[in-house]
Protein backbone atom coordinates (compact mmCIF):
# COMPACT_ATOMS: atom_id res chain seq x y z
CA MET A 1 -202.90 -94.87 -68.89
CA SER A 2 -200.04 -95.17 -71.23
CA LEU A 3 -196.61 -93.27 -70.77
CA ASP A 4 -197.15 -90.82 -73.47
CA GLU A 5 -200.51 -90.14 -72.06
CA ARG A 6 -199.28 -89.84 -68.34
CA TYR A 7 -195.90 -88.20 -69.05
CA LEU A 8 -195.85 -85.11 -71.09
CA SER A 9 -192.63 -83.38 -69.92
CA LEU A 10 -190.31 -84.15 -66.48
CA HIS A 11 -192.61 -82.42 -64.47
CA ASP A 12 -195.03 -85.53 -64.34
CA PHE A 13 -192.24 -87.31 -63.08
CA GLU A 14 -192.16 -85.71 -60.15
CA ASP A 15 -196.00 -85.85 -59.54
CA ALA A 16 -195.68 -89.70 -59.99
CA ALA A 17 -192.68 -90.17 -57.90
CA ARG A 18 -194.43 -87.72 -55.12
CA SER A 19 -197.23 -90.27 -54.49
CA ARG A 20 -195.36 -93.75 -54.57
CA LEU A 21 -192.44 -92.96 -52.30
CA PRO A 22 -192.33 -92.70 -48.44
CA ARG A 23 -192.27 -89.01 -47.40
CA GLY A 24 -188.42 -89.13 -46.66
CA LEU A 25 -187.15 -90.45 -49.79
CA TYR A 26 -188.93 -87.80 -51.82
CA GLY A 27 -188.03 -85.07 -49.04
CA PHE A 28 -184.22 -87.08 -49.81
CA VAL A 29 -184.11 -86.04 -53.36
CA ARG A 30 -186.40 -83.02 -53.77
CA GLY A 31 -184.46 -80.63 -51.07
CA GLY A 32 -181.22 -78.47 -51.30
CA SER A 33 -179.45 -77.95 -48.06
CA ALA A 34 -180.23 -76.05 -45.41
CA ASP A 35 -183.28 -73.32 -46.77
CA GLY A 36 -182.92 -75.00 -50.06
CA TRP A 37 -182.00 -71.46 -51.66
CA SER A 38 -179.23 -72.94 -53.95
CA ALA A 39 -181.65 -74.93 -55.32
CA ASP A 40 -184.94 -73.06 -56.01
CA ASN A 41 -181.94 -70.60 -57.47
CA ASN A 42 -180.51 -72.87 -59.54
CA ARG A 43 -184.44 -73.33 -61.72
CA ALA A 44 -184.88 -69.18 -61.44
CA ALA A 45 -181.75 -68.76 -63.21
CA TYR A 46 -183.28 -70.12 -66.41
CA ASP A 47 -186.10 -67.25 -66.30
CA ARG A 48 -183.32 -64.40 -66.62
CA TRP A 49 -182.62 -65.17 -69.88
CA ALA A 50 -184.69 -64.91 -72.66
CA PHE A 51 -184.52 -66.49 -76.55
CA LEU A 52 -183.83 -64.30 -79.24
CA PRO A 53 -184.64 -66.28 -82.15
CA ARG A 54 -184.11 -66.44 -86.01
CA THR A 55 -186.19 -66.78 -88.58
CA LEU A 56 -186.96 -69.42 -91.82
CA ASN A 57 -183.26 -71.55 -90.74
CA ALA A 58 -185.13 -75.12 -88.91
CA GLY A 59 -183.43 -76.55 -91.59
CA PRO A 60 -185.52 -80.03 -93.24
CA GLN A 61 -183.26 -81.72 -90.74
CA ARG A 62 -181.42 -80.92 -87.62
CA ARG A 63 -178.56 -82.80 -85.10
CA GLN A 64 -178.29 -82.76 -81.78
CA ASN A 65 -175.38 -85.04 -81.33
CA ILE A 66 -171.79 -84.82 -80.23
CA THR A 67 -169.24 -85.63 -78.73
CA LEU A 68 -167.02 -85.85 -75.53
CA PHE A 69 -164.06 -87.37 -75.03
CA GLY A 70 -163.93 -89.00 -78.40
CA GLN A 71 -167.51 -90.75 -77.38
CA ALA A 72 -170.41 -89.99 -80.05
CA PHE A 73 -173.38 -89.06 -78.10
CA ALA A 74 -176.68 -88.77 -80.15
CA SER A 75 -178.03 -85.34 -77.39
CA PRO A 76 -176.12 -82.67 -75.19
CA PHE A 77 -177.67 -84.30 -72.27
CA GLY A 78 -177.40 -87.16 -69.87
CA ILE A 79 -177.94 -88.17 -66.69
CA ALA A 80 -176.14 -86.97 -63.67
CA PRO A 81 -175.10 -89.23 -60.79
CA LEU A 82 -177.57 -90.04 -58.35
CA GLY A 83 -176.85 -91.68 -54.73
CA VAL A 84 -178.39 -94.14 -53.15
CA SER A 85 -181.00 -94.86 -56.03
CA ALA A 86 -181.54 -98.31 -55.56
CA LEU A 87 -183.26 -97.30 -52.50
CA PHE A 88 -186.03 -95.46 -54.88
CA ARG A 89 -186.65 -98.49 -57.57
CA PHE A 90 -185.00 -101.61 -57.98
CA ASP A 91 -181.68 -101.90 -59.34
CA ALA A 92 -181.90 -98.18 -60.88
CA ASP A 93 -178.66 -97.64 -61.30
CA VAL A 94 -178.89 -100.33 -63.92
CA ALA A 95 -182.28 -98.92 -65.54
CA MET A 96 -181.14 -95.22 -65.95
CA ALA A 97 -177.70 -97.19 -67.51
CA SER A 98 -179.65 -99.20 -69.73
CA ALA A 99 -181.88 -95.71 -70.48
CA ALA A 100 -178.84 -93.61 -72.26
CA ALA A 101 -177.36 -96.45 -73.95
CA ALA A 102 -180.49 -96.94 -75.57
CA ALA A 103 -180.91 -93.53 -76.18
CA ARG A 104 -177.24 -92.97 -77.00
CA VAL A 105 -177.00 -90.28 -73.75
CA PRO A 106 -174.00 -89.75 -71.25
CA TYR A 107 -174.57 -91.54 -67.83
CA VAL A 108 -172.64 -90.77 -64.66
CA LEU A 109 -172.54 -93.79 -61.74
CA SER A 110 -172.21 -91.94 -58.77
CA GLY A 111 -169.67 -92.93 -56.06
CA ALA A 112 -172.17 -93.19 -53.45
CA SER A 113 -174.30 -95.90 -55.63
CA LEU A 114 -175.28 -99.44 -54.40
CA THR A 115 -174.79 -101.25 -57.29
CA PRO A 116 -171.47 -102.38 -58.66
CA VAL A 117 -169.97 -100.53 -61.13
CA GLU A 118 -168.92 -103.35 -62.62
CA ARG A 119 -172.97 -104.35 -62.87
CA VAL A 120 -173.66 -100.56 -64.65
CA LEU A 121 -170.14 -101.15 -67.09
CA GLU A 122 -171.72 -104.64 -68.11
CA ALA A 123 -175.27 -102.70 -69.20
CA TYR A 124 -173.21 -99.71 -70.58
CA PRO A 125 -169.36 -99.65 -71.47
CA GLN A 126 -169.76 -96.12 -71.47
CA ALA A 127 -171.00 -94.80 -68.92
CA TRP A 128 -168.76 -93.08 -66.83
CA PHE A 129 -167.95 -92.75 -63.04
CA GLN A 130 -168.04 -90.24 -60.03
CA ALA A 131 -165.23 -90.59 -57.21
CA TYR A 132 -165.65 -89.33 -54.04
CA VAL A 133 -162.71 -89.46 -52.17
CA ASP A 134 -160.52 -87.91 -50.14
CA GLY A 135 -157.00 -87.60 -48.52
CA ASP A 136 -156.41 -91.35 -48.18
CA ARG A 137 -154.65 -92.00 -50.94
CA ALA A 138 -154.51 -95.65 -50.89
CA ARG A 139 -157.62 -96.09 -50.48
CA THR A 140 -158.11 -94.01 -53.78
CA GLY A 141 -155.30 -95.42 -54.98
CA ARG A 142 -157.42 -99.16 -54.45
CA LEU A 143 -161.04 -97.57 -56.44
CA LEU A 144 -158.68 -95.94 -58.78
CA ALA A 145 -157.27 -99.60 -60.01
CA ARG A 146 -161.14 -101.01 -59.52
CA LEU A 147 -162.11 -98.35 -61.97
CA ARG A 148 -159.19 -99.38 -64.51
CA ALA A 149 -159.55 -103.33 -64.39
CA ALA A 150 -163.24 -102.69 -65.06
CA LYS A 151 -162.37 -99.90 -67.94
CA CYS A 152 -164.20 -97.27 -66.89
CA PRO A 153 -163.63 -94.82 -69.80
CA VAL A 154 -163.99 -91.04 -67.49
CA LEU A 155 -163.34 -90.54 -64.37
CA VAL A 156 -165.87 -87.74 -62.74
CA LEU A 157 -164.17 -86.46 -59.24
CA CYS A 158 -166.30 -84.43 -57.31
CA VAL A 159 -164.76 -82.30 -55.81
CA ASP A 160 -167.82 -79.82 -53.75
CA THR A 161 -168.59 -81.62 -51.21
CA PRO A 162 -165.54 -82.17 -47.99
CA VAL A 163 -168.20 -82.23 -45.02
CA PRO A 164 -171.51 -83.56 -45.29
CA PRO A 165 -174.32 -81.28 -46.14
CA SER A 166 -177.40 -80.35 -44.33
CA ARG A 167 -180.61 -82.37 -45.23
CA GLU A 168 -183.36 -81.09 -43.27
CA LEU A 169 -186.44 -82.08 -45.63
CA SER A 170 -185.78 -85.92 -45.58
CA LEU A 171 -185.00 -85.69 -41.56
CA ARG A 172 -187.94 -84.11 -40.74
CA HIS A 173 -189.55 -86.93 -42.32
CA GLY A 174 -187.33 -89.39 -40.19
CA PHE A 175 -185.04 -90.25 -42.77
CA SER A 176 -181.26 -89.98 -43.54
CA ILE A 177 -178.02 -91.85 -44.95
CA PRO A 178 -177.49 -94.14 -43.37
CA VAL A 179 -180.63 -95.12 -42.99
CA ARG A 180 -181.73 -94.99 -38.88
CA PRO A 181 -185.11 -97.32 -38.62
CA SER A 182 -187.57 -95.26 -36.84
CA ALA A 183 -191.52 -95.35 -35.79
CA ARG A 184 -191.82 -92.22 -38.20
CA LEU A 185 -190.09 -93.86 -41.05
CA VAL A 186 -192.19 -97.48 -40.76
CA ALA A 187 -195.54 -95.85 -40.53
CA ASP A 188 -194.36 -93.68 -43.57
CA THR A 189 -193.06 -96.98 -45.18
CA LEU A 190 -196.43 -98.49 -44.39
CA LEU A 191 -198.59 -95.99 -46.01
CA HIS A 192 -196.58 -96.56 -49.55
CA PRO A 193 -197.49 -100.20 -50.03
CA GLY A 194 -196.26 -99.94 -53.88
CA TRP A 195 -192.53 -98.74 -53.21
CA LEU A 196 -192.81 -101.27 -49.93
CA LEU A 197 -192.86 -104.90 -51.85
CA GLY A 198 -192.05 -103.32 -55.42
CA THR A 199 -188.49 -101.85 -53.68
CA ALA A 200 -187.81 -102.36 -50.21
CA ALA A 201 -189.38 -106.01 -50.10
CA ARG A 202 -187.90 -107.12 -53.84
CA GLN A 203 -184.63 -105.37 -52.49
CA PHE A 204 -184.33 -106.98 -49.35
CA PHE A 205 -185.03 -110.45 -51.26
CA ALA A 206 -183.27 -110.45 -54.09
CA ARG A 207 -179.36 -108.43 -52.74
CA GLY A 208 -180.17 -108.20 -49.17
CA ILE A 209 -179.68 -105.10 -46.89
CA PRO A 210 -178.14 -102.53 -49.61
CA TRP A 211 -174.49 -101.50 -49.38
CA MET A 212 -172.80 -99.09 -50.48
CA GLU A 213 -170.34 -100.48 -53.44
CA ASN A 214 -168.42 -98.36 -54.77
CA LEU A 215 -166.44 -96.27 -52.19
CA ASP A 216 -163.66 -98.45 -52.11
CA ALA A 217 -162.23 -101.46 -54.09
CA GLN A 218 -164.68 -102.80 -52.63
CA ARG A 219 -167.67 -102.90 -50.76
CA SER A 220 -167.69 -100.94 -47.62
CA HIS A 221 -170.65 -100.92 -45.49
CA ARG A 222 -174.22 -101.37 -45.67
CA VAL A 223 -176.14 -98.25 -46.35
CA THR A 224 -177.85 -99.05 -42.33
CA SER A 225 -174.73 -98.38 -40.64
CA ALA A 226 -171.93 -95.69 -40.84
CA PRO A 227 -168.88 -96.36 -42.64
CA THR A 228 -166.40 -98.64 -41.27
CA ALA A 229 -163.66 -96.43 -41.73
CA PRO A 230 -162.60 -92.97 -40.77
CA PRO A 231 -163.06 -90.20 -43.08
CA GLY A 232 -159.52 -89.15 -44.38
CA ALA A 233 -158.16 -85.09 -44.70
CA PRO A 234 -160.37 -83.28 -47.07
CA LEU A 235 -159.38 -83.48 -50.94
CA SER A 236 -156.35 -81.10 -51.22
CA TRP A 237 -154.51 -79.25 -54.78
CA ASP A 238 -151.75 -82.16 -54.05
CA ASP A 239 -154.04 -84.87 -53.79
CA PHE A 240 -155.64 -83.89 -57.27
CA ARG A 241 -152.18 -83.52 -58.32
CA TRP A 242 -151.74 -87.12 -57.65
CA ILE A 243 -154.87 -88.43 -59.15
CA ARG A 244 -153.98 -86.61 -62.05
CA ARG A 245 -150.67 -88.78 -62.31
CA GLU A 246 -152.32 -92.01 -61.92
CA TRP A 247 -155.59 -91.30 -63.58
CA GLN A 248 -154.14 -92.33 -67.49
CA GLY A 249 -157.75 -91.97 -69.19
CA PRO A 250 -160.27 -88.46 -69.01
CA LEU A 251 -160.01 -86.52 -65.60
CA VAL A 252 -163.33 -84.47 -65.37
CA VAL A 253 -163.97 -82.51 -62.31
CA LYS A 254 -167.50 -81.82 -60.87
CA GLY A 255 -168.64 -79.54 -58.73
CA VAL A 256 -166.55 -75.89 -59.86
CA VAL A 257 -168.31 -72.76 -60.15
CA ASN A 258 -165.40 -70.01 -59.32
CA ALA A 259 -163.77 -69.25 -61.99
CA GLU A 260 -160.24 -69.32 -60.91
CA ASP A 261 -160.56 -72.65 -59.00
CA ALA A 262 -161.23 -73.63 -63.52
CA LYS A 263 -158.34 -71.92 -64.47
CA ARG A 264 -156.44 -73.75 -62.09
CA TYR A 265 -158.06 -77.36 -62.79
CA ARG A 266 -157.10 -76.66 -66.16
CA THR A 267 -153.26 -75.86 -65.51
CA LEU A 268 -153.51 -79.07 -63.03
CA GLY A 269 -154.28 -81.13 -66.69
CA ALA A 270 -158.18 -81.52 -65.71
CA ASP A 271 -159.30 -82.54 -69.16
CA GLY A 272 -163.35 -81.26 -68.54
CA LEU A 273 -165.28 -79.41 -65.96
CA VAL A 274 -168.79 -80.03 -64.77
CA VAL A 275 -169.91 -76.32 -63.85
CA SER A 276 -172.71 -77.54 -60.82
CA ASN A 277 -173.37 -76.91 -57.08
CA HIS A 278 -174.22 -80.70 -56.70
CA GLY A 279 -177.52 -79.55 -57.42
CA GLY A 280 -177.75 -77.18 -54.47
CA ARG A 281 -177.43 -79.74 -52.00
CA GLN A 282 -174.00 -78.50 -50.43
CA LEU A 283 -173.44 -74.75 -49.68
CA ASP A 284 -176.63 -72.94 -49.14
CA GLY A 285 -176.71 -69.84 -50.89
CA THR A 286 -174.76 -70.47 -53.63
CA VAL A 287 -173.97 -68.52 -57.42
CA ALA A 288 -176.66 -70.66 -59.61
CA THR A 289 -174.56 -72.84 -61.79
CA LEU A 290 -175.97 -71.18 -65.18
CA ASP A 291 -175.24 -67.79 -63.71
CA ALA A 292 -171.42 -68.65 -63.06
CA LEU A 293 -171.19 -70.38 -66.64
CA PRO A 294 -170.17 -67.62 -68.69
CA ALA A 295 -167.57 -66.38 -66.55
CA ILE A 296 -165.91 -69.78 -66.37
CA ALA A 297 -166.20 -70.51 -70.36
CA ASP A 298 -164.55 -67.12 -70.90
CA ALA A 299 -161.24 -68.00 -68.32
CA VAL A 300 -160.85 -71.53 -69.65
CA ARG A 301 -161.47 -71.38 -73.24
CA GLY A 302 -161.62 -74.39 -75.42
CA LEU A 303 -161.93 -76.81 -72.66
CA PRO A 304 -165.46 -78.68 -72.53
CA LEU A 305 -167.00 -77.40 -70.44
CA MET A 306 -170.28 -79.26 -69.12
CA MET A 307 -173.26 -77.70 -66.45
CA ASP A 308 -176.04 -78.96 -63.97
CA GLY A 309 -178.53 -77.90 -62.25
CA GLY A 310 -182.05 -77.33 -62.62
CA ILE A 311 -182.60 -78.53 -66.01
CA ARG A 312 -186.33 -79.84 -66.72
CA ARG A 313 -186.92 -78.74 -70.09
CA GLY A 314 -185.18 -78.88 -73.68
CA THR A 315 -185.10 -74.88 -73.41
CA ASP A 316 -182.95 -75.31 -70.19
CA VAL A 317 -180.71 -77.37 -72.27
CA MET A 318 -180.10 -74.74 -75.27
CA LYS A 319 -179.63 -71.81 -72.63
CA ALA A 320 -176.22 -73.67 -71.27
CA LEU A 321 -175.53 -74.96 -74.74
CA ALA A 322 -175.87 -70.87 -75.46
CA LEU A 323 -173.41 -69.45 -72.39
CA GLY A 324 -171.03 -71.81 -72.92
CA ALA A 325 -171.44 -75.47 -71.76
CA GLN A 326 -170.88 -78.73 -75.07
CA SER A 327 -173.23 -80.73 -72.90
CA THR A 328 -175.87 -80.75 -69.65
CA PHE A 329 -176.43 -83.20 -67.07
CA VAL A 330 -180.03 -83.76 -65.21
CA GLY A 331 -180.53 -85.07 -61.91
CA ARG A 332 -183.98 -85.13 -59.90
CA PRO A 333 -186.24 -85.44 -62.68
CA MET A 334 -184.55 -88.95 -64.02
CA LEU A 335 -184.57 -90.39 -61.04
CA PHE A 336 -188.40 -88.79 -60.22
CA ALA A 337 -188.70 -91.38 -63.92
CA ALA A 338 -187.17 -94.22 -62.49
CA ALA A 339 -188.52 -94.00 -59.03
CA ALA A 340 -192.12 -93.67 -61.45
CA ALA A 341 -191.70 -95.95 -64.20
CA GLY A 342 -188.45 -98.00 -63.64
CA GLN A 343 -186.49 -98.17 -67.01
CA ALA A 344 -189.48 -97.59 -69.26
CA GLY A 345 -189.63 -94.01 -67.57
CA VAL A 346 -186.12 -92.91 -68.02
CA ALA A 347 -186.04 -93.76 -71.36
CA LYS A 348 -189.27 -91.49 -71.57
CA ALA A 349 -188.06 -88.93 -69.72
CA ILE A 350 -184.76 -88.68 -72.43
CA ALA A 351 -186.86 -88.87 -75.63
CA LEU A 352 -189.07 -86.32 -74.01
CA LEU A 353 -186.20 -84.14 -73.28
CA GLN A 354 -184.76 -85.22 -76.77
CA ALA A 355 -188.20 -83.77 -78.95
CA GLU A 356 -187.70 -80.77 -76.71
CA VAL A 357 -184.23 -79.86 -77.73
CA ASP A 358 -185.31 -80.77 -81.23
CA ARG A 359 -188.22 -78.57 -81.23
CA SER A 360 -186.45 -75.91 -79.75
CA GLN A 361 -183.63 -76.38 -82.65
CA ALA A 362 -186.07 -75.31 -85.08
CA LEU A 363 -187.86 -72.43 -83.20
CA LEU A 364 -184.70 -71.05 -82.69
CA GLY A 365 -183.44 -71.60 -85.90
CA VAL A 366 -179.98 -73.75 -84.98
CA PRO A 367 -180.34 -76.69 -87.40
CA VAL A 368 -176.90 -77.90 -85.71
CA VAL A 369 -177.29 -77.93 -81.48
CA THR A 370 -172.92 -76.88 -81.47
CA ASP A 371 -174.38 -73.75 -83.57
CA MET A 372 -176.28 -72.12 -80.25
CA GLY A 373 -174.89 -69.38 -79.61
CA PRO A 374 -175.25 -65.96 -77.40
CA GLU A 375 -176.53 -64.04 -80.06
CA LEU A 376 -179.73 -65.52 -79.17
CA LEU A 377 -180.24 -64.78 -75.76
CA VAL A 378 -181.17 -62.05 -74.53
CA ASP A 379 -180.92 -60.60 -70.76
CA ALA A 380 -184.58 -60.74 -69.85
CA SER A 381 -184.43 -57.63 -67.66
CA SER A 382 -182.90 -55.90 -70.26
CA ALA A 383 -184.95 -57.64 -72.84
CA ARG A 384 -186.02 -53.89 -74.24
CA SER A 385 -183.04 -52.90 -74.94
CA LEU A 386 -182.21 -56.53 -76.69
CA ARG A 387 -178.64 -56.41 -74.97
CA PRO A 388 -177.06 -59.62 -76.54
CA ALA A 389 -174.79 -62.26 -73.97
CA ARG A 390 -171.46 -61.69 -74.04
CA ALA A 391 -169.75 -63.44 -77.17
CA LEU A 392 -167.48 -66.50 -76.55
CA GLU A 393 -164.85 -68.32 -78.46
CA PRO A 394 -165.53 -71.99 -80.01
CA ALA A 395 -165.09 -75.01 -78.48
CA THR A 396 -162.66 -77.14 -79.03
CA GLU A 397 -163.01 -80.29 -81.98
CA ASP A 398 -163.47 -82.51 -79.66
CA VAL A 399 -166.44 -81.58 -78.30
CA VAL A 400 -168.62 -80.70 -81.46
CA GLY A 401 -170.23 -83.78 -83.30
């Protein structure tokens, strides 16, 4: 069965990945923190808005291209940072970056990745890097110097991980980071020979046990081991000011859902924000990112805003754009696509979402995706009154293409 026949939506990749991956690995990706309420709420938020399409305005040709920080992209979505991706498919980070490069969409490498940032930037020189840093400025300084040497174009600073979260779903199946061998994990692995031979064995014989490659100036520790260096104090506002002084390129802050924080980051020099609750993987009970977006867009008008959390369809992308985002990021579905079918799977996932965005533009009457506005949305709970979303000021020219 061809990819076109097997995969008709992003949901299909999850079904395929679930059958291929050991249960603990699948649970690590699929689950949120604690009870998973935040992850589920991210998805539910899209159902709280309904479209109010215009007719006879589709146009013969539609454009979904955007520009972010001087980089031109073909679509208003990209691949979110995904930690330890190489555990799910051999060389998954390079596969996702290469697929993103071919499709000309953003890609962000996670600081918790098992592939050196230099290799990923060779595959996609426009790739961004998400840094996990704490208050250890010596270690952070070494990492920033490495990123400058690698010519990383955009630094994404993750600010919503001061402590590790709960990972109950994967722990119930014997999987954790660091990876700890157990009878349950071994038995689960043996029941999934495709992953065992195609990913685990291939990785071991090609490169040995994976290392955490990008937390410092060089690899720090194996994925089976605890960090060798003790954690520093949690990141502070003073640390952020210092990082802003040290990093001369575009600096994006990821993990913001509070409008007051958004205003402060802008004041301190952030070049853009990713409205994110880490996919519901940190604090359970957090506001959905789509629900947080309008207040942040209103608070920092003109600042480039991106959003992640729960996006599964092109219609989800369009709702985020209408509520103030200039672009969006997709996480779990892209990792499931890589796990299911490698680089070809990721390329297919991107193509599916691009086609859905184009179809949504035609049916909404939005020939240019950057013209998507709040007047095309209504509060679904009040749809009978056709109450439109509150209008926002247009974004700056730097983020329209």
